[in-house]
Amino acid sequence: FVEMEGYKTHGLIHISQLSSRRVEEADEVVQVGEEVFVKVIKLDTQPNGRTKIGLSLKDVSQENGRDLNPSNQASRPGAENPDEYPKMYSVHQGNVVSVRDYGAFVKLDGFYAQGLVHVSQLAAWKVDNPTDVVNVGQRVWVKVVACEPDPKKEGRKKVSLSMKLVSQEDGEDLDKSNIEAEQLTDRARYQQQDAKRIELGAIYNTICTKCGGHGH
């Protein structure tokens, strides 16, 4: 529950509205006393005259309060299916929700999950700093180039996206034959398989490539 500044009533942020990623416990995202930006997504007047207020945290940038879902698409609790993922090589529009050194995370319209646009897929030219191309809250067009099981989260998938394969002006697919997209898919699958083979803390009996000996 959130106390809104200037109002006597409280509003409820449903757990599905705390974050674009799946949340098991509310304290994974927020703590008591923490100041946050919220968006009103539901007003339900009760028979006693009181109004229940539904709020969303994930629809607002926590950096500057910018509305990340101005069209209010799939904004109400339960509207998005957490087990539904976008189809391979499909083109979507979405909001940039986070920018990191290695790329940007984008929340796709109509989907619970968000995907990563790797820095190499932000533009057709070499990008050194992702913020030179995108910022939190920006609307972008993306193409799904990989959707593979997440080894760290059972039952979940990691979605990889590309901006450079889609015209940012009108959403036109610039790789209709999926030639480049398929290469990115193969690369993502190889990386996933490699991650499954090598585990942190595991001990292996290796062979030296120089002398053929074991254990060094």
N, C-alpha and C. Protein backbone atom coordinates (compact mmCIF):
# COMPACT_ATOMS: atom_id res chain seq x y z
N PHE A 1 0.84 -1.20 0.00
CA PHE A 1 0.00 0.00 0.00
C PHE A 1 0.88 1.25 0.00
N VAL A 2 0.40 2.27 -0.71
CA VAL A 2 1.17 3.51 -0.84
C VAL A 2 0.33 4.69 -0.40
N GLU A 3 0.92 5.54 0.41
CA GLU A 3 0.28 6.79 0.80
C GLU A 3 0.70 7.86 -0.20
N MET A 4 -0.30 8.42 -0.90
CA MET A 4 0.01 9.41 -1.94
C MET A 4 0.03 10.81 -1.35
N GLU A 5 1.08 11.53 -1.67
CA GLU A 5 1.28 12.87 -1.12
C GLU A 5 0.13 13.78 -1.51
N GLY A 6 -0.47 14.42 -0.51
CA GLY A 6 -1.57 15.35 -0.77
C GLY A 6 -2.94 14.72 -0.68
N TYR A 7 -3.00 13.39 -0.46
CA TYR A 7 -4.28 12.68 -0.37
C TYR A 7 -4.35 11.92 0.95
N LYS A 8 -5.57 11.77 1.49
CA LYS A 8 -5.77 11.06 2.74
C LYS A 8 -5.83 9.56 2.55
N THR A 9 -6.21 9.12 1.36
CA THR A 9 -6.40 7.70 1.09
C THR A 9 -5.10 7.01 0.65
N HIS A 10 -5.11 5.68 0.70
CA HIS A 10 -3.98 4.88 0.26
C HIS A 10 -4.36 4.14 -1.02
N GLY A 11 -3.36 3.78 -1.78
CA GLY A 11 -3.58 2.99 -2.99
C GLY A 11 -2.81 1.69 -2.92
N LEU A 12 -3.28 0.68 -3.64
CA LEU A 12 -2.64 -0.63 -3.65
C LEU A 12 -1.88 -0.85 -4.96
N ILE A 13 -0.62 -1.25 -4.83
CA ILE A 13 0.16 -1.69 -5.99
C ILE A 13 0.11 -3.21 -6.00
N HIS A 14 -0.64 -3.78 -6.93
CA HIS A 14 -0.71 -5.24 -7.06
C HIS A 14 0.70 -5.75 -7.38
N ILE A 15 1.02 -6.95 -6.91
CA ILE A 15 2.38 -7.48 -7.09
C ILE A 15 2.78 -7.54 -8.56
N SER A 16 1.80 -7.71 -9.45
CA SER A 16 2.09 -7.76 -10.89
C SER A 16 2.44 -6.39 -11.45
N GLN A 17 2.20 -5.33 -10.65
CA GLN A 17 2.47 -3.97 -11.10
C GLN A 17 3.71 -3.37 -10.46
N LEU A 18 4.45 -4.20 -9.70
CA LEU A 18 5.66 -3.70 -9.05
C LEU A 18 6.84 -3.59 -10.01
N SER A 19 6.92 -4.51 -10.95
CA SER A 19 8.07 -4.54 -11.85
C SER A 19 7.70 -5.25 -13.15
N SER A 20 8.47 -4.98 -14.21
CA SER A 20 8.27 -5.66 -15.49
C SER A 20 8.72 -7.11 -15.41
N ARG A 21 9.61 -7.41 -14.45
CA ARG A 21 10.02 -8.80 -14.26
C ARG A 21 9.11 -9.47 -13.24
N ARG A 22 9.18 -10.78 -13.16
CA ARG A 22 8.33 -11.52 -12.23
C ARG A 22 8.81 -11.29 -10.80
N VAL A 23 7.89 -10.98 -9.89
CA VAL A 23 8.22 -10.70 -8.50
C VAL A 23 7.50 -11.70 -7.60
N GLU A 24 8.24 -12.35 -6.73
CA GLU A 24 7.66 -13.31 -5.79
C GLU A 24 7.24 -12.63 -4.49
N GLU A 25 8.09 -11.74 -3.98
CA GLU A 25 7.82 -11.01 -2.75
C GLU A 25 7.99 -9.51 -3.00
N ALA A 26 7.07 -8.72 -2.43
CA ALA A 26 7.08 -7.28 -2.67
C ALA A 26 8.39 -6.62 -2.24
N ASP A 27 9.00 -7.15 -1.16
CA ASP A 27 10.22 -6.51 -0.66
C ASP A 27 11.43 -6.74 -1.57
N GLU A 28 11.24 -7.49 -2.65
CA GLU A 28 12.30 -7.61 -3.66
C GLU A 28 12.46 -6.29 -4.41
N VAL A 29 11.38 -5.49 -4.40
CA VAL A 29 11.34 -4.26 -5.21
C VAL A 29 11.27 -3.00 -4.34
N VAL A 30 10.41 -3.05 -3.30
CA VAL A 30 10.21 -1.86 -2.47
C VAL A 30 10.34 -2.19 -0.99
N GLN A 31 10.64 -1.15 -0.22
CA GLN A 31 10.77 -1.28 1.23
C GLN A 31 9.85 -0.27 1.91
N VAL A 32 9.43 -0.57 3.15
CA VAL A 32 8.58 0.35 3.91
C VAL A 32 9.28 1.69 4.08
N GLY A 33 8.57 2.76 3.78
CA GLY A 33 9.12 4.09 3.91
C GLY A 33 9.79 4.62 2.65
N GLU A 34 9.97 3.76 1.66
CA GLU A 34 10.63 4.18 0.41
C GLU A 34 9.70 5.08 -0.40
N GLU A 35 10.25 6.13 -0.97
CA GLU A 35 9.48 7.06 -1.80
C GLU A 35 9.54 6.60 -3.25
N VAL A 36 8.37 6.46 -3.87
CA VAL A 36 8.30 5.94 -5.24
C VAL A 36 7.33 6.76 -6.09
N PHE A 37 7.49 6.65 -7.40
CA PHE A 37 6.54 7.22 -8.35
C PHE A 37 5.52 6.14 -8.69
N VAL A 38 4.23 6.49 -8.77
CA VAL A 38 3.19 5.54 -9.12
C VAL A 38 2.22 6.17 -10.12
N LYS A 39 1.51 5.29 -10.82
CA LYS A 39 0.49 5.73 -11.76
C LYS A 39 -0.85 5.12 -11.36
N VAL A 40 -1.91 5.92 -11.36
CA VAL A 40 -3.24 5.42 -11.02
C VAL A 40 -3.80 4.68 -12.24
N ILE A 41 -4.11 3.38 -12.06
CA ILE A 41 -4.59 2.58 -13.18
C ILE A 41 -6.00 2.03 -12.95
N LYS A 42 -6.52 2.23 -11.72
CA LYS A 42 -7.87 1.73 -11.45
C LYS A 42 -8.50 2.50 -10.31
N LEU A 43 -9.78 2.88 -10.50
CA LEU A 43 -10.58 3.54 -9.46
C LEU A 43 -11.88 2.75 -9.33
N ASP A 44 -12.09 2.15 -8.17
CA ASP A 44 -13.25 1.29 -7.96
C ASP A 44 -14.05 1.79 -6.76
N THR A 45 -15.22 2.41 -7.04
CA THR A 45 -16.05 2.95 -5.97
C THR A 45 -16.85 1.83 -5.31
N GLN A 46 -16.74 1.73 -3.98
CA GLN A 46 -17.40 0.70 -3.21
C GLN A 46 -18.81 1.16 -2.77
N PRO A 47 -19.70 0.19 -2.37
CA PRO A 47 -21.06 0.54 -1.92
C PRO A 47 -21.07 1.52 -0.75
N ASN A 48 -20.02 1.49 0.08
CA ASN A 48 -19.96 2.41 1.22
C ASN A 48 -19.49 3.81 0.83
N GLY A 49 -19.25 4.01 -0.46
CA GLY A 49 -18.85 5.32 -0.95
C GLY A 49 -17.35 5.53 -1.04
N ARG A 50 -16.59 4.60 -0.46
CA ARG A 50 -15.13 4.70 -0.54
C ARG A 50 -14.63 4.23 -1.90
N THR A 51 -13.48 4.69 -2.28
CA THR A 51 -12.91 4.32 -3.58
C THR A 51 -11.61 3.57 -3.39
N LYS A 52 -11.54 2.39 -3.99
CA LYS A 52 -10.30 1.62 -3.99
C LYS A 52 -9.44 2.09 -5.16
N ILE A 53 -8.18 2.35 -4.87
CA ILE A 53 -7.29 2.89 -5.89
C ILE A 53 -6.23 1.85 -6.24
N GLY A 54 -6.15 1.52 -7.53
CA GLY A 54 -5.12 0.60 -8.02
C GLY A 54 -3.98 1.39 -8.63
N LEU A 55 -2.76 1.06 -8.25
CA LEU A 55 -1.59 1.80 -8.71
C LEU A 55 -0.60 0.90 -9.44
N SER A 56 0.25 1.52 -10.23
CA SER A 56 1.31 0.78 -10.92
C SER A 56 2.64 1.47 -10.69
N LEU A 57 3.64 0.67 -10.33
CA LEU A 57 5.01 1.16 -10.17
C LEU A 57 5.78 0.98 -11.46
N LYS A 58 5.51 -0.14 -12.16
CA LYS A 58 6.29 -0.47 -13.35
C LYS A 58 5.97 0.42 -14.54
N ASP A 59 4.83 1.12 -14.49
CA ASP A 59 4.46 1.98 -15.61
C ASP A 59 5.08 3.37 -15.51
N VAL A 60 5.90 3.59 -14.47
CA VAL A 60 6.50 4.91 -14.27
C VAL A 60 8.00 4.77 -14.05
N SER A 61 8.77 5.61 -14.71
CA SER A 61 10.22 5.63 -14.49
C SER A 61 10.48 6.08 -13.06
N GLN A 62 11.24 5.27 -12.31
CA GLN A 62 11.55 5.63 -10.94
C GLN A 62 12.69 6.65 -10.86
N GLU A 63 13.24 6.99 -12.00
CA GLU A 63 14.32 7.98 -12.04
C GLU A 63 13.77 9.40 -12.11
N ASN A 64 12.70 9.57 -12.92
CA ASN A 64 12.21 10.94 -13.12
C ASN A 64 10.68 11.05 -13.15
N GLY A 65 9.95 9.93 -12.91
CA GLY A 65 8.49 9.99 -12.89
C GLY A 65 7.84 10.01 -14.25
N ARG A 66 8.59 9.70 -15.29
CA ARG A 66 8.02 9.71 -16.64
C ARG A 66 7.08 8.52 -16.85
N ASP A 67 5.96 8.76 -17.52
CA ASP A 67 4.98 7.71 -17.82
C ASP A 67 5.55 6.80 -18.90
N LEU A 68 5.75 5.51 -18.55
CA LEU A 68 6.31 4.55 -19.50
C LEU A 68 5.24 3.83 -20.30
N ASN A 69 3.99 4.12 -19.99
CA ASN A 69 2.89 3.47 -20.69
C ASN A 69 1.78 4.49 -20.96
N PRO A 70 2.07 5.52 -21.75
CA PRO A 70 1.10 6.59 -21.97
C PRO A 70 -0.19 6.14 -22.64
N SER A 71 -0.12 5.03 -23.38
CA SER A 71 -1.32 4.52 -24.06
C SER A 71 -2.16 3.63 -23.15
N ASN A 72 -1.64 3.34 -21.94
CA ASN A 72 -2.33 2.50 -20.95
C ASN A 72 -2.61 1.10 -21.46
N GLN A 73 -1.78 0.61 -22.36
CA GLN A 73 -1.98 -0.72 -22.91
C GLN A 73 -1.62 -1.79 -21.89
N ALA A 74 -2.54 -2.74 -21.71
CA ALA A 74 -2.34 -3.88 -20.80
C ALA A 74 -1.83 -3.42 -19.44
N SER A 75 -2.47 -2.37 -18.90
CA SER A 75 -1.95 -1.79 -17.67
C SER A 75 -2.59 -2.35 -16.41
N ARG A 76 -3.78 -2.91 -16.52
CA ARG A 76 -4.46 -3.37 -15.32
C ARG A 76 -3.92 -4.71 -14.84
N PRO A 77 -3.97 -4.98 -13.52
CA PRO A 77 -3.47 -6.23 -12.99
C PRO A 77 -4.10 -7.43 -13.68
N GLY A 78 -3.27 -8.40 -14.04
CA GLY A 78 -3.77 -9.62 -14.65
C GLY A 78 -3.94 -9.53 -16.14
N ALA A 79 -3.73 -8.34 -16.73
CA ALA A 79 -3.94 -8.18 -18.17
C ALA A 79 -2.84 -8.85 -18.97
N GLU A 80 -1.66 -9.00 -18.36
CA GLU A 80 -0.54 -9.62 -19.06
C GLU A 80 -0.30 -11.02 -18.51
N ASN A 81 -0.06 -11.94 -19.40
CA ASN A 81 0.20 -13.32 -19.00
C ASN A 81 1.71 -13.50 -18.81
N PRO A 82 2.18 -13.80 -17.57
CA PRO A 82 3.62 -13.93 -17.33
C PRO A 82 4.25 -15.10 -18.06
N ASP A 83 3.43 -16.04 -18.52
CA ASP A 83 3.95 -17.21 -19.23
C ASP A 83 3.91 -17.05 -20.74
N GLU A 84 3.50 -15.90 -21.21
CA GLU A 84 3.42 -15.66 -22.65
C GLU A 84 4.61 -14.85 -23.13
N TYR A 85 5.21 -15.29 -24.22
CA TYR A 85 6.39 -14.61 -24.76
C TYR A 85 6.16 -14.28 -26.23
N PRO A 86 6.82 -13.25 -26.73
CA PRO A 86 6.65 -12.87 -28.13
C PRO A 86 7.21 -13.93 -29.08
N LYS A 87 6.64 -14.01 -30.27
CA LYS A 87 7.09 -14.99 -31.25
C LYS A 87 8.45 -14.60 -31.83
N MET A 88 9.21 -15.61 -32.20
CA MET A 88 10.52 -15.38 -32.80
C MET A 88 10.38 -14.55 -34.07
N TYR A 89 11.28 -13.59 -34.22
CA TYR A 89 11.40 -12.73 -35.39
C TYR A 89 10.20 -11.79 -35.58
N SER A 90 9.38 -11.66 -34.55
CA SER A 90 8.27 -10.71 -34.62
C SER A 90 8.77 -9.33 -34.23
N VAL A 91 8.10 -8.30 -34.74
CA VAL A 91 8.48 -6.90 -34.48
C VAL A 91 7.47 -6.28 -33.51
N HIS A 92 7.99 -5.56 -32.53
CA HIS A 92 7.15 -4.95 -31.50
C HIS A 92 7.63 -3.55 -31.16
N GLN A 93 6.74 -2.82 -30.53
CA GLN A 93 7.10 -1.52 -29.99
C GLN A 93 7.13 -1.65 -28.46
N GLY A 94 7.97 -0.87 -27.83
CA GLY A 94 8.05 -0.95 -26.38
C GLY A 94 8.73 0.25 -25.77
N ASN A 95 8.86 0.22 -24.45
CA ASN A 95 9.50 1.31 -23.71
C ASN A 95 10.83 0.86 -23.13
N VAL A 96 11.82 1.71 -23.23
CA VAL A 96 13.11 1.44 -22.58
C VAL A 96 12.92 1.64 -21.08
N VAL A 97 13.16 0.58 -20.30
CA VAL A 97 12.95 0.67 -18.85
C VAL A 97 14.25 0.75 -18.06
N SER A 98 15.36 0.38 -18.70
CA SER A 98 16.65 0.43 -18.02
C SER A 98 17.77 0.45 -19.04
N VAL A 99 18.82 1.21 -18.75
CA VAL A 99 19.97 1.28 -19.64
C VAL A 99 21.22 0.90 -18.86
N ARG A 100 21.97 -0.04 -19.40
CA ARG A 100 23.21 -0.51 -18.78
C ARG A 100 24.36 -0.33 -19.76
N ASP A 101 25.59 -0.57 -19.28
CA ASP A 101 26.75 -0.44 -20.15
C ASP A 101 26.70 -1.42 -21.31
N TYR A 102 26.06 -2.58 -21.08
CA TYR A 102 26.03 -3.64 -22.10
C TYR A 102 24.78 -3.60 -22.98
N GLY A 103 23.89 -2.66 -22.74
CA GLY A 103 22.70 -2.57 -23.58
C GLY A 103 21.51 -1.96 -22.86
N ALA A 104 20.32 -2.17 -23.40
CA ALA A 104 19.10 -1.59 -22.82
C ALA A 104 18.01 -2.64 -22.70
N PHE A 105 17.26 -2.57 -21.59
CA PHE A 105 16.12 -3.46 -21.39
C PHE A 105 14.86 -2.75 -21.87
N VAL A 106 14.05 -3.49 -22.64
CA VAL A 106 12.84 -2.93 -23.22
C VAL A 106 11.62 -3.73 -22.79
N LYS A 107 10.60 -3.04 -22.30
CA LYS A 107 9.32 -3.66 -21.95
C LYS A 107 8.44 -3.63 -23.19
N LEU A 108 8.10 -4.80 -23.72
CA LEU A 108 7.30 -4.90 -24.93
C LEU A 108 5.83 -4.66 -24.63
N ASP A 109 5.17 -3.91 -25.48
CA ASP A 109 3.74 -3.66 -25.31
C ASP A 109 2.97 -4.98 -25.31
N GLY A 110 2.13 -5.17 -24.29
CA GLY A 110 1.28 -6.34 -24.24
C GLY A 110 1.90 -7.59 -23.66
N PHE A 111 3.16 -7.51 -23.24
CA PHE A 111 3.84 -8.68 -22.68
C PHE A 111 4.38 -8.36 -21.29
N TYR A 112 4.36 -9.38 -20.44
CA TYR A 112 4.84 -9.24 -19.07
C TYR A 112 6.37 -9.12 -19.04
N ALA A 113 7.02 -9.93 -19.88
CA ALA A 113 8.48 -9.99 -19.87
C ALA A 113 9.09 -8.79 -20.58
N GLN A 114 10.35 -8.53 -20.24
CA GLN A 114 11.12 -7.52 -20.95
C GLN A 114 12.32 -8.19 -21.59
N GLY A 115 12.87 -7.57 -22.62
CA GLY A 115 13.99 -8.17 -23.33
C GLY A 115 15.19 -7.24 -23.34
N LEU A 116 16.34 -7.81 -23.64
CA LEU A 116 17.58 -7.04 -23.69
C LEU A 116 17.99 -6.75 -25.13
N VAL A 117 18.24 -5.49 -25.39
CA VAL A 117 18.85 -5.08 -26.65
C VAL A 117 20.34 -4.92 -26.36
N HIS A 118 21.15 -5.88 -26.80
CA HIS A 118 22.59 -5.79 -26.55
C HIS A 118 23.15 -4.55 -27.23
N VAL A 119 24.21 -3.99 -26.67
CA VAL A 119 24.79 -2.76 -27.21
C VAL A 119 25.11 -2.90 -28.69
N SER A 120 25.46 -4.11 -29.14
CA SER A 120 25.78 -4.32 -30.55
C SER A 120 24.55 -4.27 -31.44
N GLN A 121 23.34 -4.32 -30.84
CA GLN A 121 22.10 -4.32 -31.60
C GLN A 121 21.29 -3.03 -31.46
N LEU A 122 21.91 -2.02 -30.85
CA LEU A 122 21.22 -0.75 -30.67
C LEU A 122 21.16 0.07 -31.96
N ALA A 123 22.18 -0.06 -32.78
CA ALA A 123 22.24 0.74 -34.01
C ALA A 123 23.13 0.05 -35.04
N ALA A 124 23.04 0.50 -36.27
CA ALA A 124 23.83 -0.09 -37.35
C ALA A 124 25.30 0.31 -37.25
N TRP A 125 25.59 1.35 -36.48
CA TRP A 125 26.98 1.77 -36.27
C TRP A 125 27.46 1.32 -34.90
N LYS A 126 28.76 1.40 -34.66
CA LYS A 126 29.33 0.99 -33.39
C LYS A 126 28.91 1.95 -32.28
N VAL A 127 28.35 1.40 -31.21
CA VAL A 127 27.89 2.21 -30.08
C VAL A 127 28.78 1.94 -28.87
N ASP A 128 29.41 2.98 -28.37
CA ASP A 128 30.26 2.84 -27.18
C ASP A 128 29.47 3.05 -25.91
N ASN A 129 28.55 4.01 -25.95
CA ASN A 129 27.73 4.33 -24.79
C ASN A 129 26.25 4.22 -25.17
N PRO A 130 25.51 3.24 -24.62
CA PRO A 130 24.10 3.06 -24.97
C PRO A 130 23.25 4.32 -24.83
N THR A 131 23.59 5.20 -23.87
CA THR A 131 22.81 6.42 -23.68
C THR A 131 22.96 7.40 -24.84
N ASP A 132 23.91 7.12 -25.73
CA ASP A 132 24.02 7.94 -26.94
C ASP A 132 22.88 7.62 -27.91
N VAL A 133 22.22 6.47 -27.70
CA VAL A 133 21.17 6.02 -28.62
C VAL A 133 19.80 6.00 -27.95
N VAL A 134 19.74 5.52 -26.70
CA VAL A 134 18.45 5.40 -26.01
C VAL A 134 18.50 5.96 -24.59
N ASN A 135 17.33 6.27 -24.08
CA ASN A 135 17.19 6.73 -22.70
C ASN A 135 15.96 6.09 -22.08
N VAL A 136 15.92 6.01 -20.76
CA VAL A 136 14.78 5.43 -20.06
C VAL A 136 13.50 6.18 -20.45
N GLY A 137 12.45 5.42 -20.78
CA GLY A 137 11.18 6.01 -21.16
C GLY A 137 10.99 6.17 -22.65
N GLN A 138 12.06 6.01 -23.41
CA GLN A 138 11.98 6.19 -24.86
C GLN A 138 11.21 5.05 -25.51
N ARG A 139 10.38 5.39 -26.50
CA ARG A 139 9.64 4.39 -27.27
C ARG A 139 10.53 3.93 -28.42
N VAL A 140 10.64 2.61 -28.59
CA VAL A 140 11.49 2.07 -29.65
C VAL A 140 10.81 0.90 -30.34
N TRP A 141 11.29 0.59 -31.54
CA TRP A 141 10.87 -0.60 -32.28
C TRP A 141 11.96 -1.66 -32.13
N VAL A 142 11.56 -2.90 -31.91
CA VAL A 142 12.54 -3.98 -31.74
C VAL A 142 12.06 -5.25 -32.46
N LYS A 143 13.03 -6.12 -32.74
CA LYS A 143 12.73 -7.42 -33.34
C LYS A 143 13.24 -8.50 -32.40
N VAL A 144 12.43 -9.53 -32.19
CA VAL A 144 12.82 -10.63 -31.31
C VAL A 144 13.79 -11.55 -32.06
N VAL A 145 15.01 -11.70 -31.53
CA VAL A 145 16.02 -12.51 -32.20
C VAL A 145 16.38 -13.77 -31.40
N ALA A 146 15.92 -13.85 -30.16
CA ALA A 146 16.15 -15.05 -29.35
C ALA A 146 15.18 -15.07 -28.19
N CYS A 147 14.75 -16.26 -27.82
CA CYS A 147 13.85 -16.45 -26.69
C CYS A 147 14.17 -17.82 -26.11
N GLU A 148 15.17 -17.86 -25.24
CA GLU A 148 15.71 -19.12 -24.74
C GLU A 148 15.45 -19.29 -23.24
N PRO A 149 15.35 -20.53 -22.76
CA PRO A 149 15.14 -20.78 -21.32
C PRO A 149 16.22 -20.11 -20.48
N ASP A 150 15.81 -19.50 -19.38
CA ASP A 150 16.74 -18.85 -18.47
C ASP A 150 17.28 -19.89 -17.49
N PRO A 151 18.57 -20.22 -17.53
CA PRO A 151 19.13 -21.24 -16.64
C PRO A 151 19.06 -20.87 -15.17
N LYS A 152 18.90 -19.58 -14.87
CA LYS A 152 18.87 -19.12 -13.49
C LYS A 152 17.45 -19.07 -12.92
N LYS A 153 16.44 -19.11 -13.81
CA LYS A 153 15.05 -19.01 -13.36
C LYS A 153 14.23 -20.08 -14.06
N GLU A 154 13.87 -21.10 -13.31
CA GLU A 154 13.13 -22.22 -13.86
C GLU A 154 11.78 -21.76 -14.41
N GLY A 155 11.49 -22.18 -15.64
CA GLY A 155 10.22 -21.85 -16.25
C GLY A 155 10.18 -20.49 -16.93
N ARG A 156 11.25 -19.72 -16.82
CA ARG A 156 11.30 -18.40 -17.44
C ARG A 156 12.20 -18.42 -18.67
N LYS A 157 12.10 -17.37 -19.48
CA LYS A 157 12.90 -17.28 -20.69
C LYS A 157 13.60 -15.93 -20.78
N LYS A 158 14.75 -15.93 -21.44
CA LYS A 158 15.49 -14.70 -21.69
C LYS A 158 15.20 -14.27 -23.12
N VAL A 159 14.74 -13.04 -23.27
CA VAL A 159 14.38 -12.51 -24.58
C VAL A 159 15.46 -11.55 -25.07
N SER A 160 15.98 -11.82 -26.27
CA SER A 160 16.98 -10.94 -26.87
C SER A 160 16.34 -10.18 -28.02
N LEU A 161 16.64 -8.90 -28.09
CA LEU A 161 16.01 -8.02 -29.08
C LEU A 161 17.05 -7.28 -29.91
N SER A 162 16.59 -6.78 -31.05
CA SER A 162 17.45 -5.95 -31.90
C SER A 162 16.70 -4.71 -32.34
N MET A 163 17.34 -3.57 -32.20
CA MET A 163 16.77 -2.32 -32.71
C MET A 163 17.26 -2.03 -34.11
N LYS A 164 18.50 -2.44 -34.40
CA LYS A 164 19.08 -2.08 -35.69
C LYS A 164 18.45 -2.83 -36.86
N LEU A 165 17.70 -3.90 -36.57
CA LEU A 165 17.03 -4.65 -37.63
C LEU A 165 15.64 -4.11 -37.93
N VAL A 166 15.27 -3.01 -37.25
CA VAL A 166 13.95 -2.41 -37.44
C VAL A 166 14.08 -0.91 -37.64
N SER A 167 13.33 -0.37 -38.60
CA SER A 167 13.33 1.07 -38.80
C SER A 167 12.68 1.73 -37.59
N GLN A 168 13.39 2.66 -36.98
CA GLN A 168 12.86 3.35 -35.80
C GLN A 168 11.86 4.43 -36.16
N GLU A 169 11.67 4.65 -37.45
CA GLU A 169 10.70 5.65 -37.89
C GLU A 169 9.30 5.08 -38.00
N ASP A 170 9.20 3.86 -38.59
CA ASP A 170 7.87 3.31 -38.82
C ASP A 170 7.72 1.83 -38.44
N GLY A 171 8.77 1.23 -37.88
CA GLY A 171 8.67 -0.17 -37.47
C GLY A 171 8.84 -1.18 -38.58
N GLU A 172 9.33 -0.74 -39.74
CA GLU A 172 9.52 -1.67 -40.85
C GLU A 172 10.65 -2.66 -40.54
N ASP A 173 10.40 -3.94 -40.81
CA ASP A 173 11.40 -4.98 -40.60
C ASP A 173 12.48 -4.84 -41.68
N LEU A 174 13.71 -4.57 -41.28
CA LEU A 174 14.81 -4.39 -42.22
C LEU A 174 15.54 -5.70 -42.52
N ASP A 175 15.04 -6.77 -41.92
CA ASP A 175 15.64 -8.09 -42.12
C ASP A 175 14.51 -9.11 -42.34
N LYS A 176 13.72 -8.85 -43.38
CA LYS A 176 12.52 -9.67 -43.62
C LYS A 176 12.85 -11.14 -43.85
N SER A 177 14.03 -11.44 -44.38
CA SER A 177 14.41 -12.82 -44.63
C SER A 177 14.95 -13.50 -43.37
N ASN A 178 15.14 -12.71 -42.30
CA ASN A 178 15.63 -13.19 -41.00
C ASN A 178 17.05 -13.77 -41.05
N ILE A 179 17.81 -13.40 -42.07
CA ILE A 179 19.18 -13.92 -42.20
C ILE A 179 20.04 -13.47 -41.01
N GLU A 180 20.04 -12.17 -40.74
CA GLU A 180 20.83 -11.66 -39.62
C GLU A 180 20.24 -12.11 -38.29
N ALA A 181 18.92 -12.14 -38.20
CA ALA A 181 18.26 -12.54 -36.96
C ALA A 181 18.59 -14.00 -36.61
N GLU A 182 18.63 -14.87 -37.60
CA GLU A 182 18.93 -16.28 -37.35
C GLU A 182 20.37 -16.45 -36.86
N GLN A 183 21.27 -15.63 -37.37
CA GLN A 183 22.66 -15.69 -36.90
C GLN A 183 22.73 -15.30 -35.42
N LEU A 184 21.95 -14.30 -35.04
CA LEU A 184 21.92 -13.87 -33.64
C LEU A 184 21.28 -14.95 -32.76
N THR A 185 20.28 -15.64 -33.30
CA THR A 185 19.63 -16.73 -32.56
C THR A 185 20.61 -17.85 -32.28
N ASP A 186 21.37 -18.24 -33.31
CA ASP A 186 22.36 -19.30 -33.15
C ASP A 186 23.41 -18.93 -32.12
N ARG A 187 23.82 -17.68 -32.13
CA ARG A 187 24.83 -17.20 -31.18
C ARG A 187 24.29 -17.27 -29.76
N ALA A 188 23.03 -16.86 -29.57
CA ALA A 188 22.42 -16.88 -28.25
C ALA A 188 22.28 -18.30 -27.72
N ARG A 189 21.92 -19.23 -28.60
CA ARG A 189 21.76 -20.63 -28.19
C ARG A 189 23.11 -21.24 -27.81
N TYR A 190 24.14 -20.88 -28.55
CA TYR A 190 25.48 -21.38 -28.23
C TYR A 190 25.92 -20.90 -26.86
N GLN A 191 25.64 -19.63 -26.58
CA GLN A 191 26.02 -19.06 -25.29
C GLN A 191 25.25 -19.72 -24.16
N GLN A 192 23.97 -20.04 -24.40
CA GLN A 192 23.16 -20.71 -23.39
C GLN A 192 23.70 -22.11 -23.10
N GLN A 193 24.06 -22.83 -24.16
CA GLN A 193 24.59 -24.18 -24.00
C GLN A 193 25.93 -24.15 -23.27
N ASP A 194 26.74 -23.14 -23.56
CA ASP A 194 28.05 -22.99 -22.92
C ASP A 194 27.86 -22.72 -21.43
N ALA A 195 26.83 -21.90 -21.11
CA ALA A 195 26.56 -21.58 -19.71
C ALA A 195 26.11 -22.81 -18.94
N LYS A 196 25.40 -23.73 -19.62
CA LYS A 196 24.93 -24.95 -18.97
C LYS A 196 26.09 -25.91 -18.71
N ARG A 197 27.08 -25.91 -19.60
CA ARG A 197 28.19 -26.85 -19.46
C ARG A 197 29.15 -26.44 -18.34
N ILE A 198 29.36 -25.14 -18.18
CA ILE A 198 30.33 -24.65 -17.20
C ILE A 198 29.60 -24.06 -16.01
N GLU A 199 29.87 -24.57 -14.81
CA GLU A 199 29.22 -24.10 -13.60
C GLU A 199 30.24 -23.51 -12.63
N LEU A 200 29.83 -22.45 -11.96
CA LEU A 200 30.69 -21.80 -10.98
C LEU A 200 30.97 -22.76 -9.83
N GLY A 201 32.25 -22.93 -9.49
CA GLY A 201 32.63 -23.80 -8.39
C GLY A 201 32.84 -25.25 -8.79
N ALA A 202 32.54 -25.59 -10.05
CA ALA A 202 32.72 -26.98 -10.49
C ALA A 202 34.19 -27.29 -10.67
N ILE A 203 34.56 -28.57 -10.53
CA ILE A 203 35.94 -29.01 -10.69
C ILE A 203 36.02 -29.93 -11.91
N TYR A 204 36.96 -29.65 -12.80
CA TYR A 204 37.11 -30.42 -14.02
C TYR A 204 38.52 -30.98 -14.12
N ASN A 205 38.63 -32.16 -14.73
CA ASN A 205 39.93 -32.76 -15.02
C ASN A 205 40.28 -32.39 -16.45
N THR A 206 41.10 -31.37 -16.59
CA THR A 206 41.36 -30.81 -17.91
C THR A 206 42.66 -31.33 -18.53
N ILE A 207 42.80 -31.12 -19.82
CA ILE A 207 44.00 -31.51 -20.55
C ILE A 207 44.67 -30.27 -21.10
N CYS A 208 45.95 -30.11 -20.83
CA CYS A 208 46.71 -28.96 -21.31
C CYS A 208 46.81 -29.03 -22.83
N THR A 209 46.46 -27.92 -23.48
CA THR A 209 46.50 -27.89 -24.95
C THR A 209 47.92 -27.81 -25.49
N LYS A 210 48.89 -27.48 -24.62
CA LYS A 210 50.29 -27.35 -25.08
C LYS A 210 51.07 -28.65 -24.95
N CYS A 211 50.91 -29.33 -23.78
CA CYS A 211 51.72 -30.55 -23.58
C CYS A 211 50.90 -31.83 -23.50
N GLY A 212 49.58 -31.70 -23.41
CA GLY A 212 48.73 -32.89 -23.32
C GLY A 212 48.62 -33.45 -21.93
N GLY A 213 49.21 -32.79 -20.92
CA GLY A 213 49.16 -33.28 -19.55
C GLY A 213 47.85 -32.92 -18.86
N HIS A 214 47.54 -33.55 -17.72
CA HIS A 214 46.32 -33.30 -16.98
C HIS A 214 46.56 -32.38 -15.80
N GLY A 215 45.49 -31.66 -15.42
CA GLY A 215 45.44 -30.92 -14.15
C GLY A 215 46.22 -29.64 -14.11
N HIS A 216 46.60 -29.06 -15.22
CA HIS A 216 47.28 -27.75 -15.19
C HIS A 216 47.01 -27.00 -16.49
